[in-house]
Amino acid sequence: MPIHFFSGALKQEFLPDTTLKTLHWLKAAIPEKSSQFTRCVYPGYAHMECFIGENAGRDIFGDLM
């Protein structure tokens, strides 16, 4: 199953590095599927702004579609 991790660069609840660590862990655990795991960090976004921010529909969800 493809997994895309995304995080706001300003996020403080869970630091953006946690998605990077998880991405590396998944790629090492299942190397034959590593191309299915991706990650993006969005500058200027914090926690909830990734979901309900003024431009989230364009900046974040536009990337995912």
PDB file of N, CA and C in Angstrom:
ATOM      1  N   MET A   1       0.839  -1.160   0.000  1.00  0.00           N
ATOM      2  CA  MET A   1       0.000   0.000   0.000  1.00  0.00           C
ATOM      3  C   MET A   1       0.897   1.240   0.000  1.00  0.00           C
ATOM      4  N   PRO A   2       0.730   2.148  -0.930  1.00  0.00           N
ATOM      5  CA  PRO A   2       1.522   3.371  -0.942  1.00  0.00           C
ATOM      6  C   PRO A   2       1.214   4.242   0.282  1.00  0.00           C
ATOM      7  N   ILE A   3       2.240   4.859   0.821  1.00  0.00           N
ATOM      8  CA  ILE A   3       2.086   5.760   1.964  1.00  0.00           C
ATOM      9  C   ILE A   3       2.833   7.041   1.654  1.00  0.00           C
ATOM     10  N   HIS A   4       2.144   8.174   1.819  1.00  0.00           N
ATOM     11  CA  HIS A   4       2.775   9.490   1.644  1.00  0.00           C
ATOM     12  C   HIS A   4       2.697  10.222   2.973  1.00  0.00           C
ATOM     13  N   PHE A   5       3.860  10.534   3.538  1.00  0.00           N
ATOM     14  CA  PHE A   5       3.929  11.292   4.781  1.00  0.00           C
ATOM     15  C   PHE A   5       4.030  12.767   4.422  1.00  0.00           C
ATOM     16  N   PHE A   6       3.284  13.594   5.153  1.00  0.00           N
ATOM     17  CA  PHE A   6       3.448  15.029   4.956  1.00  0.00           C
ATOM     18  C   PHE A   6       3.389  15.721   6.301  1.00  0.00           C
ATOM     19  N   SER A   7       4.092  16.841   6.366  1.00  0.00           N
ATOM     20  CA  SER A   7       4.199  17.571   7.613  1.00  0.00           C
ATOM     21  C   SER A   7       4.479  19.029   7.314  1.00  0.00           C
ATOM     22  N   GLY A   8       4.021  19.884   8.211  1.00  0.00           N
ATOM     23  CA  GLY A   8       4.389  21.293   8.122  1.00  0.00           C
ATOM     24  C   GLY A   8       5.757  21.492   8.746  1.00  0.00           C
ATOM     25  N   ALA A   9       6.566  22.323   8.132  1.00  0.00           N
ATOM     26  CA  ALA A   9       7.925  22.565   8.640  1.00  0.00           C
ATOM     27  C   ALA A   9       7.910  23.222  10.016  1.00  0.00           C
ATOM     28  N   LEU A  10       6.849  23.951  10.340  1.00  0.00           N
ATOM     29  CA  LEU A  10       6.757  24.661  11.617  1.00  0.00           C
ATOM     30  C   LEU A  10       6.075  23.840  12.704  1.00  0.00           C
ATOM     31  N   LYS A  11       5.748  22.625  12.404  1.00  0.00           N
ATOM     32  CA  LYS A  11       5.018  21.758  13.330  1.00  0.00           C
ATOM     33  C   LYS A  11       5.837  21.498  14.583  1.00  0.00           C
ATOM     34  N   GLN A  12       5.204  21.624  15.751  1.00  0.00           N
ATOM     35  CA  GLN A  12       5.891  21.397  17.014  1.00  0.00           C
ATOM     36  C   GLN A  12       5.322  20.220  17.810  1.00  0.00           C
ATOM     37  N   GLU A  13       4.079  19.790  17.504  1.00  0.00           N
ATOM     38  CA  GLU A  13       3.497  18.659  18.226  1.00  0.00           C
ATOM     39  C   GLU A  13       4.297  17.391  17.947  1.00  0.00           C
ATOM     40  N   PHE A  14       4.528  17.132  16.685  1.00  0.00           N
ATOM     41  CA  PHE A  14       5.388  16.032  16.245  1.00  0.00           C
ATOM     42  C   PHE A  14       6.340  16.660  15.244  1.00  0.00           C
ATOM     43  N   LEU A  15       7.610  16.647  15.534  1.00  0.00           N
ATOM     44  CA  LEU A  15       8.581  17.302  14.662  1.00  0.00           C
ATOM     45  C   LEU A  15       8.636  16.634  13.296  1.00  0.00           C
ATOM     46  N   PRO A  16       8.859  17.421  12.240  1.00  0.00           N
ATOM     47  CA  PRO A  16       8.914  16.856  10.888  1.00  0.00           C
ATOM     48  C   PRO A  16       9.930  15.720  10.737  1.00  0.00           C
ATOM     49  N   ASP A  17      10.968  15.712  11.554  1.00  0.00           N
ATOM     50  CA  ASP A  17      11.965  14.638  11.482  1.00  0.00           C
ATOM     51  C   ASP A  17      11.374  13.263  11.787  1.00  0.00           C
ATOM     52  N   THR A  18      10.268  13.228  12.528  1.00  0.00           N
ATOM     53  CA  THR A  18       9.677  11.926  12.844  1.00  0.00           C
ATOM     54  C   THR A  18       9.173  11.230  11.581  1.00  0.00           C
ATOM     55  N   THR A  19       8.644  11.995  10.626  1.00  0.00           N
ATOM     56  CA  THR A  19       8.199  11.359   9.386  1.00  0.00           C
ATOM     57  C   THR A  19       9.392  10.870   8.574  1.00  0.00           C
ATOM     58  N   LEU A  20      10.498  11.583   8.663  1.00  0.00           N
ATOM     59  CA  LEU A  20      11.710  11.153   7.956  1.00  0.00           C
ATOM     60  C   LEU A  20      12.240   9.847   8.551  1.00  0.00           C
ATOM     61  N   LYS A  21      12.260   9.759   9.872  1.00  0.00           N
ATOM     62  CA  LYS A  21      12.714   8.527  10.529  1.00  0.00           C
ATOM     63  C   LYS A  21      11.812   7.347  10.166  1.00  0.00           C
ATOM     64  N   THR A  22      10.503   7.587  10.157  1.00  0.00           N
ATOM     65  CA  THR A  22       9.567   6.524   9.802  1.00  0.00           C
ATOM     66  C   THR A  22       9.738   6.111   8.342  1.00  0.00           C
ATOM     67  N   LEU A  23       9.948   7.077   7.471  1.00  0.00           N
ATOM     68  CA  LEU A  23      10.168   6.785   6.055  1.00  0.00           C
ATOM     69  C   LEU A  23      11.400   5.902   5.879  1.00  0.00           C
ATOM     70  N   HIS A  24      12.501   6.265   6.528  1.00  0.00           N
ATOM     71  CA  HIS A  24      13.722   5.454   6.433  1.00  0.00           C
ATOM     72  C   HIS A  24      13.506   4.050   6.996  1.00  0.00           C
ATOM     73  N   TRP A  25      12.772   3.970   8.103  1.00  0.00           N
ATOM     74  CA  TRP A  25      12.503   2.670   8.714  1.00  0.00           C
ATOM     75  C   TRP A  25      11.705   1.783   7.763  1.00  0.00           C
ATOM     76  N   LEU A  26      10.637   2.335   7.170  1.00  0.00           N
ATOM     77  CA  LEU A  26       9.821   1.554   6.243  1.00  0.00           C
ATOM     78  C   LEU A  26      10.612   1.089   5.023  1.00  0.00           C
ATOM     79  N   LYS A  27      11.410   2.005   4.463  1.00  0.00           N
ATOM     80  CA  LYS A  27      12.198   1.646   3.282  1.00  0.00           C
ATOM     81  C   LYS A  27      13.217   0.552   3.591  1.00  0.00           C
ATOM     82  N   ALA A  28      13.777   0.570   4.788  1.00  0.00           N
ATOM     83  CA  ALA A  28      14.733  -0.468   5.185  1.00  0.00           C
ATOM     84  C   ALA A  28      14.022  -1.785   5.488  1.00  0.00           C
ATOM     85  N   ALA A  29      12.825  -1.700   6.063  1.00  0.00           N
ATOM     86  CA  ALA A  29      12.091  -2.902   6.435  1.00  0.00           C
ATOM     87  C   ALA A  29      11.498  -3.623   5.228  1.00  0.00           C
ATOM     88  N   ILE A  30      11.116  -2.832   4.204  1.00  0.00           N
ATOM     89  CA  ILE A  30      10.482  -3.425   3.018  1.00  0.00           C
ATOM     90  C   ILE A  30      11.137  -2.820   1.772  1.00  0.00           C
ATOM     91  N   PRO A  31      12.402  -3.151   1.521  1.00  0.00           N
ATOM     92  CA  PRO A  31      13.130  -2.489   0.428  1.00  0.00           C
ATOM     93  C   PRO A  31      12.505  -2.689  -0.947  1.00  0.00           C
ATOM     94  N   GLU A  32      11.850  -3.817  -1.166  1.00  0.00           N
ATOM     95  CA  GLU A  32      11.243  -4.054  -2.485  1.00  0.00           C
ATOM     96  C   GLU A  32      10.039  -3.147  -2.746  1.00  0.00           C
ATOM     97  N   LYS A  33       9.515  -2.508  -1.727  1.00  0.00           N
ATOM     98  CA  LYS A  33       8.378  -1.587  -1.865  1.00  0.00           C
ATOM     99  C   LYS A  33       8.770  -0.134  -1.567  1.00  0.00           C
ATOM    100  N   SER A  34      10.061   0.143  -1.442  1.00  0.00           N
ATOM    101  CA  SER A  34      10.496   1.469  -0.994  1.00  0.00           C
ATOM    102  C   SER A  34      10.016   2.612  -1.877  1.00  0.00           C
ATOM    103  N   SER A  35       9.793   2.353  -3.153  1.00  0.00           N
ATOM    104  CA  SER A  35       9.324   3.432  -4.035  1.00  0.00           C
ATOM    105  C   SER A  35       7.887   3.845  -3.725  1.00  0.00           C
ATOM    106  N   GLN A  36       7.178   3.042  -2.947  1.00  0.00           N
ATOM    107  CA  GLN A  36       5.796   3.367  -2.588  1.00  0.00           C
ATOM    108  C   GLN A  36       5.693   4.281  -1.380  1.00  0.00           C
ATOM    109  N   PHE A  37       6.815   4.575  -0.737  1.00  0.00           N
ATOM    110  CA  PHE A  37       6.814   5.416   0.458  1.00  0.00           C
ATOM    111  C   PHE A  37       7.444   6.762   0.120  1.00  0.00           C
ATOM    112  N   THR A  38       6.684   7.833   0.295  1.00  0.00           N
ATOM    113  CA  THR A  38       7.165   9.172  -0.040  1.00  0.00           C
ATOM    114  C   THR A  38       6.896  10.130   1.115  1.00  0.00           C
ATOM    115  N   ARG A  39       7.518  11.299   1.028  1.00  0.00           N
ATOM    116  CA  ARG A  39       7.418  12.284   2.110  1.00  0.00           C
ATOM    117  C   ARG A  39       7.599  13.679   1.553  1.00  0.00           C
ATOM    118  N   CYS A  40       6.883  14.644   2.141  1.00  0.00           N
ATOM    119  CA  CYS A  40       7.054  16.047   1.777  1.00  0.00           C
ATOM    120  C   CYS A  40       6.843  16.903   3.019  1.00  0.00           C
ATOM    121  N   VAL A  41       7.681  17.920   3.183  1.00  0.00           N
ATOM    122  CA  VAL A  41       7.553  18.882   4.278  1.00  0.00           C
ATOM    123  C   VAL A  41       7.233  20.232   3.651  1.00  0.00           C
ATOM    124  N   TYR A  42       6.191  20.884   4.169  1.00  0.00           N
ATOM    125  CA  TYR A  42       5.715  22.142   3.599  1.00  0.00           C
ATOM    126  C   TYR A  42       6.160  23.332   4.441  1.00  0.00           C
ATOM    127  N   PRO A  43       6.996  24.205   3.863  1.00  0.00           N
ATOM    128  CA  PRO A  43       7.443  25.395   4.595  1.00  0.00           C
ATOM    129  C   PRO A  43       6.266  26.331   4.860  1.00  0.00           C
ATOM    130  N   GLY A  44       6.301  26.985   6.001  1.00  0.00           N
ATOM    131  CA  GLY A  44       5.255  27.947   6.341  1.00  0.00           C
ATOM    132  C   GLY A  44       4.002  27.335   6.941  1.00  0.00           C
ATOM    133  N   TYR A  45       3.968  26.024   7.069  1.00  0.00           N
ATOM    134  CA  TYR A  45       2.811  25.343   7.646  1.00  0.00           C
ATOM    135  C   TYR A  45       3.198  24.711   8.976  1.00  0.00           C
ATOM    136  N   ALA A  46       2.248  24.727   9.909  1.00  0.00           N
ATOM    137  CA  ALA A  46       2.458  24.079  11.204  1.00  0.00           C
ATOM    138  C   ALA A  46       1.594  22.818  11.259  1.00  0.00           C
ATOM    139  N   HIS A  47       0.897  22.612  12.347  1.00  0.00           N
ATOM    140  CA  HIS A  47       0.161  21.352  12.540  1.00  0.00           C
ATOM    141  C   HIS A  47      -1.159  21.346  11.761  1.00  0.00           C
ATOM    142  N   MET A  48      -2.162  21.987  12.267  1.00  0.00           N
ATOM    143  CA  MET A  48      -3.492  21.936  11.639  1.00  0.00           C
ATOM    144  C   MET A  48      -3.565  22.714  10.328  1.00  0.00           C
ATOM    145  N   GLU A  49      -2.646  23.640  10.108  1.00  0.00           N
ATOM    146  CA  GLU A  49      -2.662  24.388   8.856  1.00  0.00           C
ATOM    147  C   GLU A  49      -2.538  23.473   7.643  1.00  0.00           C
ATOM    148  N   CYS A  50      -1.905  22.323   7.812  1.00  0.00           N
ATOM    149  CA  CYS A  50      -1.794  21.356   6.711  1.00  0.00           C
ATOM    150  C   CYS A  50      -3.166  20.838   6.288  1.00  0.00           C
ATOM    151  N   PHE A  51      -4.120  20.875   7.198  1.00  0.00           N
ATOM    152  CA  PHE A  51      -5.461  20.370   6.895  1.00  0.00           C
ATOM    153  C   PHE A  51      -6.467  21.491   6.617  1.00  0.00           C
ATOM    154  N   ILE A  52      -6.381  22.564   7.392  1.00  0.00           N
ATOM    155  CA  ILE A  52      -7.409  23.600   7.283  1.00  0.00           C
ATOM    156  C   ILE A  52      -6.836  24.980   7.007  1.00  0.00           C
ATOM    157  N   GLY A  53      -5.563  25.059   6.658  1.00  0.00           N
ATOM    158  CA  GLY A  53      -4.934  26.347   6.377  1.00  0.00           C
ATOM    159  C   GLY A  53      -5.561  27.028   5.167  1.00  0.00           C
ATOM    160  N   GLU A  54      -5.400  28.329   5.102  1.00  0.00           N
ATOM    161  CA  GLU A  54      -6.008  29.129   4.040  1.00  0.00           C
ATOM    162  C   GLU A  54      -5.705  28.594   2.642  1.00  0.00           C
ATOM    163  N   ASN A  55      -4.473  28.158   2.412  1.00  0.00           N
ATOM    164  CA  ASN A  55      -4.077  27.668   1.087  1.00  0.00           C
ATOM    165  C   ASN A  55      -3.762  26.175   1.056  1.00  0.00           C
ATOM    166  N   ALA A  56      -4.205  25.439   2.070  1.00  0.00           N
ATOM    167  CA  ALA A  56      -3.901  23.999   2.141  1.00  0.00           C
ATOM    168  C   ALA A  56      -4.449  23.245   0.940  1.00  0.00           C
ATOM    169  N   GLY A  57      -5.613  23.615   0.485  1.00  0.00           N
ATOM    170  CA  GLY A  57      -6.192  22.930  -0.663  1.00  0.00           C
ATOM    171  C   GLY A  57      -5.302  23.010  -1.892  1.00  0.00           C
ATOM    172  N   ARG A  58      -4.661  24.145  -2.068  1.00  0.00           N
ATOM    173  CA  ARG A  58      -3.780  24.342  -3.215  1.00  0.00           C
ATOM    174  C   ARG A  58      -2.383  23.784  -2.947  1.00  0.00           C
ATOM    175  N   ASP A  59      -1.800  24.161  -1.809  1.00  0.00           N
ATOM    176  CA  ASP A  59      -0.394  23.841  -1.536  1.00  0.00           C
ATOM    177  C   ASP A  59      -0.160  22.380  -1.171  1.00  0.00           C
ATOM    178  N   ILE A  60      -1.049  21.826  -0.387  1.00  0.00           N
ATOM    179  CA  ILE A  60      -0.830  20.472   0.123  1.00  0.00           C
ATOM    180  C   ILE A  60      -1.638  19.447  -0.638  1.00  0.00           C
ATOM    181  N   PHE A  61      -2.928  19.615  -0.656  1.00  0.00           N
ATOM    182  CA  PHE A  61      -3.771  18.615  -1.301  1.00  0.00           C
ATOM    183  C   PHE A  61      -3.661  18.672  -2.825  1.00  0.00           C
ATOM    184  N   GLY A  62      -3.247  19.790  -3.362  1.00  0.00           N
ATOM    185  CA  GLY A  62      -2.976  19.864  -4.794  1.00  0.00           C
ATOM    186  C   GLY A  62      -1.816  18.957  -5.175  1.00  0.00           C
ATOM    187  N   ASP A  63      -0.821  18.814  -4.285  1.00  0.00           N
ATOM    188  CA  ASP A  63       0.317  17.901  -4.510  1.00  0.00           C
ATOM    189  C   ASP A  63      -0.110  16.444  -4.452  1.00  0.00           C
ATOM    190  N   LEU A  64      -1.100  16.154  -3.642  1.00  0.00           N
ATOM    191  CA  LEU A  64      -1.485  14.762  -3.407  1.00  0.00           C
ATOM    192  C   LEU A  64      -2.427  14.212  -4.465  1.00  0.00           C
ATOM    193  N   MET A  65      -3.032  15.062  -5.230  1.00  0.00           N
ATOM    194  CA  MET A  65      -4.010  14.597  -6.221  1.00  0.00           C
ATOM    195  C   MET A  65      -3.368  14.270  -7.531  1.00  0.00           C
TER     196      MET A  65
END
